[in-house]
Protein backbone atom coordinates (compact mmCIF):
# COMPACT_ATOMS: atom_id res chain seq x y z
CA MET A 1 -13.78 -16.59 7.03
CA ASN A 2 -11.87 -16.66 3.73
CA ALA A 3 -9.77 -13.75 4.97
CA ALA A 4 -8.68 -15.79 8.00
CA TYR A 5 -7.84 -18.75 5.75
CA ALA A 6 -5.84 -16.51 3.40
CA LEU A 7 -3.91 -15.02 6.32
CA ALA A 8 -3.08 -18.47 7.66
CA LEU A 9 -2.06 -19.91 4.27
CA ALA A 10 0.18 -16.93 3.42
CA PHE A 11 1.79 -17.15 6.87
CA ILE A 12 2.45 -20.90 6.52
CA LEU A 13 3.80 -20.59 2.97
CA VAL A 14 6.32 -17.88 3.90
CA LEU A 15 7.26 -19.65 7.12
CA GLY A 16 7.83 -22.86 5.20
CA ALA A 17 9.76 -21.20 2.38
CA GLY A 18 12.30 -19.49 4.65
CA PRO A 19 14.41 -22.51 5.70
CA TRP A 20 14.79 -23.51 2.05
CA PHE A 21 15.02 -20.07 0.49
CA ILE A 22 17.56 -18.38 2.78
CA PRO A 23 20.33 -21.03 2.33
CA LYS A 24 19.78 -20.86 -1.44
CA LEU A 25 20.35 -17.10 -1.42
CA HIS A 26 23.46 -17.63 0.71
CA ALA A 27 24.77 -20.18 -1.77
CA LEU A 28 24.12 -17.82 -4.67
CA LYS A 29 25.86 -15.01 -2.74
CA PHE A 30 22.81 -12.76 -3.07
CA GLY A 31 23.96 -10.59 -0.17
CA GLN A 32 22.94 -7.04 0.64
CA SER A 33 25.48 -4.27 0.11
CA ILE A 34 25.17 -1.63 2.83
CA ARG A 35 25.51 2.01 1.77
CA GLU A 36 28.62 3.67 3.18
CA GLU A 37 26.68 6.87 3.87
CA GLY A 38 24.24 4.98 6.10
CA PRO A 39 24.65 4.46 9.85
CA GLN A 40 27.96 2.74 10.59
CA SER A 41 26.20 0.26 12.88
CA HIS A 42 24.56 -1.22 9.77
CA GLN A 43 27.84 -2.32 8.22
CA VAL A 44 27.66 -5.61 10.15
CA LYS A 45 24.56 -6.44 8.08
CA SER A 46 26.56 -6.51 4.84
CA GLY A 47 26.20 -9.86 3.11
CA THR A 48 22.80 -10.67 4.65
CA PRO A 49 20.71 -12.32 1.89
CA THR A 50 18.27 -10.00 0.16
CA MET A 51 15.42 -10.36 -2.35
CA GLY A 52 13.34 -12.01 0.37
CA GLY A 53 10.37 -10.19 -1.08
CA MET A 54 9.97 -13.23 -3.33
CA MET A 55 8.83 -15.18 -0.26
CA ILE A 56 6.28 -12.51 0.64
CA ILE A 57 4.85 -12.34 -2.87
CA LEU A 58 4.67 -16.14 -3.07
CA GLY A 59 2.55 -16.31 0.07
CA LEU A 60 0.47 -13.24 -0.75
CA THR A 61 -0.31 -14.22 -4.35
CA VAL A 62 -1.07 -17.89 -3.77
CA ALA A 63 -3.29 -17.22 -0.75
CA THR A 64 -5.17 -14.48 -2.63
CA LEU A 65 -5.78 -16.66 -5.69
CA VAL A 66 -6.89 -19.62 -3.57
CA PHE A 67 -9.30 -17.84 -1.22
CA SER A 68 -10.64 -14.87 -3.18
CA SER A 69 -12.83 -14.70 -6.26
CA TRP A 70 -10.90 -13.52 -9.28
CA THR A 71 -12.83 -10.30 -9.62
CA LYS A 72 -11.70 -7.34 -11.67
CA GLU A 73 -10.65 -5.51 -8.49
CA VAL A 74 -8.53 -8.42 -7.24
CA MET A 75 -6.85 -8.85 -10.63
CA LEU A 76 -6.16 -5.12 -10.82
CA ALA A 77 -4.68 -5.20 -7.31
CA LEU A 78 -2.45 -8.14 -8.23
CA PHE A 79 -1.36 -6.32 -11.40
CA VAL A 80 -0.24 -3.34 -9.30
CA ILE A 81 1.50 -5.57 -6.75
CA LEU A 82 3.22 -7.87 -9.25
CA GLY A 83 4.16 -4.97 -11.52
CA HIS A 84 6.03 -3.31 -8.67
CA PHE A 85 7.43 -6.69 -7.62
CA LEU A 86 9.00 -7.12 -11.07
CA LEU A 87 10.36 -3.57 -10.99
CA GLY A 88 11.91 -4.18 -7.57
CA PHE A 89 13.24 -7.57 -8.66
CA LEU A 90 15.00 -5.95 -11.62
CA ASP A 91 16.52 -3.33 -9.33
CA ASP A 92 17.75 -5.97 -6.87
CA TYR A 93 19.00 -8.22 -9.68
CA ILE A 94 21.19 -5.43 -11.07
CA LYS A 95 22.55 -4.66 -7.57
CA VAL A 96 23.04 -8.20 -6.31
CA VAL A 97 23.70 -10.35 -9.38
CA ARG A 98 25.29 -7.82 -11.72
CA LYS A 99 27.11 -6.22 -8.73
CA HIS A 100 26.10 -2.68 -9.72
CA ASN A 101 25.53 -1.12 -6.30
CA GLU A 102 23.07 1.54 -7.41
CA GLY A 103 20.69 -0.81 -9.24
CA LEU A 104 18.19 0.96 -11.45
CA LYS A 105 18.76 4.68 -11.77
CA PRO A 106 16.16 6.74 -9.88
CA ARG A 107 14.64 8.05 -13.10
CA GLN A 108 14.37 4.50 -14.49
CA LYS A 109 12.60 3.28 -11.35
CA LEU A 110 10.30 6.33 -11.40
CA LEU A 111 9.49 5.72 -15.06
CA GLY A 112 8.55 2.13 -14.28
CA GLN A 113 6.25 3.27 -11.48
CA ILE A 114 4.64 5.90 -13.72
CA ILE A 115 4.05 3.29 -16.44
CA ILE A 116 2.31 0.93 -13.99
CA ALA A 117 0.18 3.79 -12.62
CA GLY A 118 -0.58 5.00 -16.14
CA LEU A 119 -1.74 1.55 -17.26
CA VAL A 120 -4.10 1.40 -14.28
CA ALA A 121 -5.41 4.88 -15.07
CA VAL A 122 -5.98 4.10 -18.76
CA PHE A 123 -7.22 0.50 -18.62
CA GLY A 124 -8.44 0.12 -15.02
CA GLY A 125 -11.88 1.53 -15.72
CA LEU A 126 -11.94 3.19 -12.31
CA PRO A 127 -14.73 5.62 -11.37
CA THR A 128 -13.45 9.16 -10.86
CA ASP A 129 -14.93 9.74 -7.42
CA LEU A 130 -12.91 10.21 -4.25
CA TRP A 131 -14.16 9.58 -0.71
CA VAL A 132 -13.69 12.63 1.51
CA PRO A 133 -14.17 11.98 5.26
CA PHE A 134 -17.36 13.50 6.72
CA VAL A 135 -18.33 14.74 3.24
CA GLY A 136 -18.83 11.67 1.08
CA ASN A 137 -17.87 10.78 -2.47
CA ILE A 138 -16.95 13.66 -4.77
CA ASP A 139 -16.44 13.22 -8.51
CA PHE A 140 -13.12 14.80 -9.49
CA GLY A 141 -13.38 13.98 -13.18
CA TYR A 142 -10.15 13.48 -15.07
CA PHE A 143 -8.18 15.11 -12.25
CA PHE A 144 -8.78 11.91 -10.30
CA TYR A 145 -6.47 9.95 -12.61
CA ALA A 146 -3.59 12.38 -12.13
CA PHE A 147 -4.16 12.27 -8.37
CA MET A 148 -4.36 8.46 -8.43
CA MET A 149 -1.03 8.22 -10.26
CA PHE A 150 0.55 10.62 -7.77
CA VAL A 151 -0.71 8.52 -4.85
CA MET A 152 0.51 5.26 -6.39
CA VAL A 153 4.00 6.54 -7.12
CA GLY A 154 4.17 8.29 -3.76
CA ILE A 155 3.11 5.39 -1.55
CA THR A 156 5.24 2.78 -3.33
CA ASN A 157 8.29 4.98 -2.88
CA ALA A 158 7.27 5.67 0.72
CA VAL A 159 7.17 1.97 1.66
CA ASN A 160 10.47 1.52 -0.15
CA LEU A 161 12.02 4.26 2.02
CA THR A 162 10.62 2.64 5.17
CA ASP A 163 12.55 -0.56 4.51
CA GLY A 164 15.70 0.47 6.35
CA LEU A 165 15.66 -1.41 9.67
CA ASP A 166 15.11 -5.07 10.54
CA GLY A 167 11.39 -5.75 10.54
CA LEU A 168 10.37 -2.11 10.09
CA ALA A 169 8.68 -2.30 6.68
CA SER A 170 7.22 -5.79 7.10
CA GLY A 171 5.74 -4.88 10.50
CA THR A 172 4.31 -1.51 9.50
CA VAL A 173 2.81 -2.93 6.30
CA ALA A 174 1.26 -5.79 8.29
CA VAL A 175 -0.37 -3.27 10.64
CA ALA A 176 -1.58 -0.98 7.84
CA SER A 177 -2.88 -3.93 5.80
CA PHE A 178 -4.82 -5.22 8.81
CA PHE A 179 -6.68 -1.95 9.23
CA TYR A 180 -7.30 -1.61 5.50
CA MET A 181 -8.66 -5.16 5.60
CA LEU A 182 -11.21 -3.99 8.19
CA VAL A 183 -12.08 -0.96 6.06
CA CYS A 184 -12.63 -3.18 3.01
CA ALA A 185 -14.79 -5.55 5.04
CA ALA A 186 -16.88 -2.61 6.27
CA MET A 187 -17.28 -1.41 2.66
CA GLY A 188 -18.44 -4.83 1.50
CA LYS A 189 -15.28 -5.37 -0.56
CA GLY A 190 -14.65 -8.85 0.80
CA GLU A 191 -12.34 -9.98 -2.00
CA LEU A 192 -9.96 -7.07 -1.40
CA ALA A 193 -10.15 -7.86 2.32
CA VAL A 194 -8.91 -11.39 1.51
CA MET A 195 -5.95 -9.95 -0.43
CA LEU A 196 -5.06 -7.68 2.47
CA ALA A 197 -5.40 -10.54 4.96
CA ALA A 198 -2.97 -12.54 2.80
CA THR A 199 -0.58 -9.56 2.98
CA VAL A 200 -0.81 -9.55 6.78
CA GLY A 201 -0.05 -13.27 6.92
CA ALA A 202 2.86 -13.03 4.46
CA CYS A 203 4.41 -10.10 6.35
CA LEU A 204 4.06 -11.85 9.72
CA GLY A 205 5.63 -14.99 8.29
CA PHE A 206 8.48 -12.93 6.88
CA LEU A 207 9.03 -11.27 10.27
CA LYS A 208 10.13 -14.68 11.61
CA PHE A 209 13.26 -14.25 9.50
CA ASN A 210 13.42 -10.46 9.18
CA TYR A 211 13.12 -9.49 12.87
CA HIS A 212 16.33 -8.19 14.44
CA PRO A 213 18.89 -9.57 13.84
CA ALA A 214 17.56 -10.18 10.35
CA LYS A 215 18.46 -13.39 8.55
CA ILE A 216 17.11 -11.98 5.29
CA PHE A 217 16.06 -8.63 3.82
CA MET A 218 13.08 -8.13 1.51
CA GLY A 219 14.96 -5.80 -0.85
CA ASP A 220 13.20 -3.59 -3.37
CA THR A 221 11.64 -6.85 -4.58
CA GLY A 222 9.49 -6.80 -1.46
CA SER A 223 9.26 -3.14 -0.48
CA LEU A 224 8.03 -1.91 -3.86
CA ALA A 225 5.53 -4.79 -4.06
CA LEU A 226 4.22 -4.03 -0.56
CA GLY A 227 3.96 -0.39 -1.60
CA GLY A 228 1.80 -1.73 -4.42
CA VAL A 229 -0.45 -3.38 -1.83
CA MET A 230 -0.95 -0.06 -0.05
CA ALA A 231 -1.54 1.74 -3.35
CA ALA A 232 -4.10 -0.84 -4.49
CA ALA A 233 -5.90 -0.70 -1.14
CA GLY A 234 -6.26 3.07 -1.23
CA ILE A 235 -7.06 3.45 -4.93
CA LEU A 236 -9.52 0.57 -5.34
CA THR A 237 -11.52 1.70 -2.31
CA HIS A 238 -11.30 5.36 -3.38
CA THR A 239 -9.97 6.19 0.10
CA GLU A 240 -6.66 7.70 -0.95
CA LEU A 241 -7.05 10.41 1.70
CA LEU A 242 -7.52 7.75 4.39
CA LEU A 243 -4.24 6.20 3.26
CA ALA A 244 -2.45 9.21 4.75
CA LEU A 245 -3.70 8.14 8.20
CA ILE A 246 -3.45 4.36 7.97
CA GLY A 247 -0.10 4.70 6.19
CA PHE A 248 1.06 7.54 8.45
CA ILE A 249 4.51 6.03 9.03
CA PHE A 250 5.14 5.85 5.28
CA VAL A 251 4.08 9.47 4.87
CA CYS A 252 6.45 10.56 7.65
CA GLU A 253 9.35 8.66 6.10
CA THR A 254 8.79 10.38 2.76
CA LEU A 255 8.30 13.84 4.24
CA SER A 256 11.52 13.51 6.22
CA VAL A 257 13.46 12.92 3.01
CA ILE A 258 11.75 15.79 1.19
CA ILE A 259 12.35 18.19 4.11
CA GLN A 260 15.97 17.11 4.44
CA VAL A 261 16.75 17.57 0.75
CA ALA A 262 14.88 20.88 0.50
CA SER A 263 16.57 22.27 3.61
CA PHE A 264 20.07 21.23 2.56
CA LYS A 265 19.69 22.58 -0.97
CA SER A 266 18.21 25.90 0.16
CA THR A 267 20.19 26.61 3.35
CA GLY A 268 23.03 24.07 3.42
CA LYS A 269 21.69 22.79 6.77
CA ARG A 270 20.13 19.46 7.65
CA VAL A 271 16.93 19.23 9.70
CA PHE A 272 17.53 15.59 10.65
CA LEU A 273 20.76 13.84 11.59
CA MET A 274 19.97 11.50 8.71
CA SER A 275 16.94 10.70 6.60
CA PRO A 276 14.67 8.78 6.28
CA ILE A 277 13.59 9.62 9.80
CA HIS A 278 14.17 6.16 11.29
CA HIS A 279 17.90 6.76 10.84
CA HIS A 280 17.58 10.08 12.68
CA PHE A 281 16.38 8.28 15.80
CA GLU A 282 19.15 5.70 15.44
CA LEU A 283 21.76 8.45 15.39
CA LYS A 284 20.06 10.04 18.41
CA GLY A 285 21.06 6.88 20.29
CA TRP A 286 17.90 4.78 20.09
CA PRO A 287 18.56 1.03 19.74
CA GLU A 288 17.29 -0.34 16.44
CA LEU A 289 14.63 -2.44 18.15
CA LYS A 290 13.29 0.60 20.01
CA VAL A 291 12.90 2.53 16.76
CA VAL A 292 11.07 -0.39 15.16
CA TRP A 293 8.72 -0.94 18.10
CA VAL A 294 7.92 2.76 18.42
CA PHE A 295 7.16 3.01 14.70
CA TRP A 296 4.98 -0.12 14.87
CA THR A 297 3.11 1.37 17.82
CA VAL A 298 2.57 4.68 16.05
CA GLY A 299 1.35 2.76 13.00
CA LEU A 300 -1.08 0.84 15.22
CA VAL A 301 -2.46 4.02 16.81
CA MET A 302 -2.85 5.73 13.44
CA GLY A 303 -4.49 2.61 12.02
CA ILE A 304 -7.08 2.73 14.80
CA LEU A 305 -7.58 6.45 14.15
CA GLY A 306 -7.97 5.80 10.41
CA LEU A 307 -10.55 3.10 11.03
CA MET A 308 -12.49 5.43 13.36
CA VAL A 309 -12.41 8.23 10.77
CA TYR A 310 -13.84 5.84 8.20
CA MET A 311 -16.53 4.47 10.51
CA PHE A 312 -17.69 7.86 11.82
CA GLY A 313 -16.92 9.93 8.74
CA ASN A 314 -18.74 7.72 6.27
């Protein structure tokens, strides 16, 4: 029941914050700069307020603190989420306020992510076992911490890459969080389920303003923080392998970039018209809304598959 309350409170908080927050960002001229190398159809979005991730984190954090017990797992999850929120906020602040288009340099952002992951590995006190579907829990010893850091950095970057179309990241994270909420409930991790329910509510509330045509973007402030949600869900349940199914869209987005870069550097040819892969479909002629709805649907199907794998493979 607390999960339902957390979802509702997060939804209401974000929904209520939008009408006040969006005009403030307009007044401060916190508008998004659109990359010239991106699809030309996106240039009309230039100037749309960004850093809307602050609304998501407001709803998510308050609802989690109100309706969950402040267990070690919940506090660790919030540390991961808020750590990435601050990293994304700094990146957006440099781009939007300081007017430096690139924001943090890639190596600076990566270093920040590694530091957050490293702190969790060193001070999180996590067991070193990993759940393998249809096998059970296997103790990987110290290798687990290296794998955990890889997963955390990978999934936070993956969600960040997914945030390229109106409503794409907020919708896919809402879907993935819903299914991870069910996994946590099945595992008896009710407090983490409350945090994930709050994420669902915050993302759905944000969609009111972020759905095409978007009135606000979440920016790295939101996308890195939501990547932190996915990382915390996978790592604290020791189901990092399941994250590849429930977060299938994020994995595809990342792989498309890796494949594109590797192909171009090795052969001089591009596999996709543009990466991440959502831009490929745009350039193939798909309307933006079609891309978003197809990706949401794929995320839903893979979420169901992930839940079934957990239920039958446990």
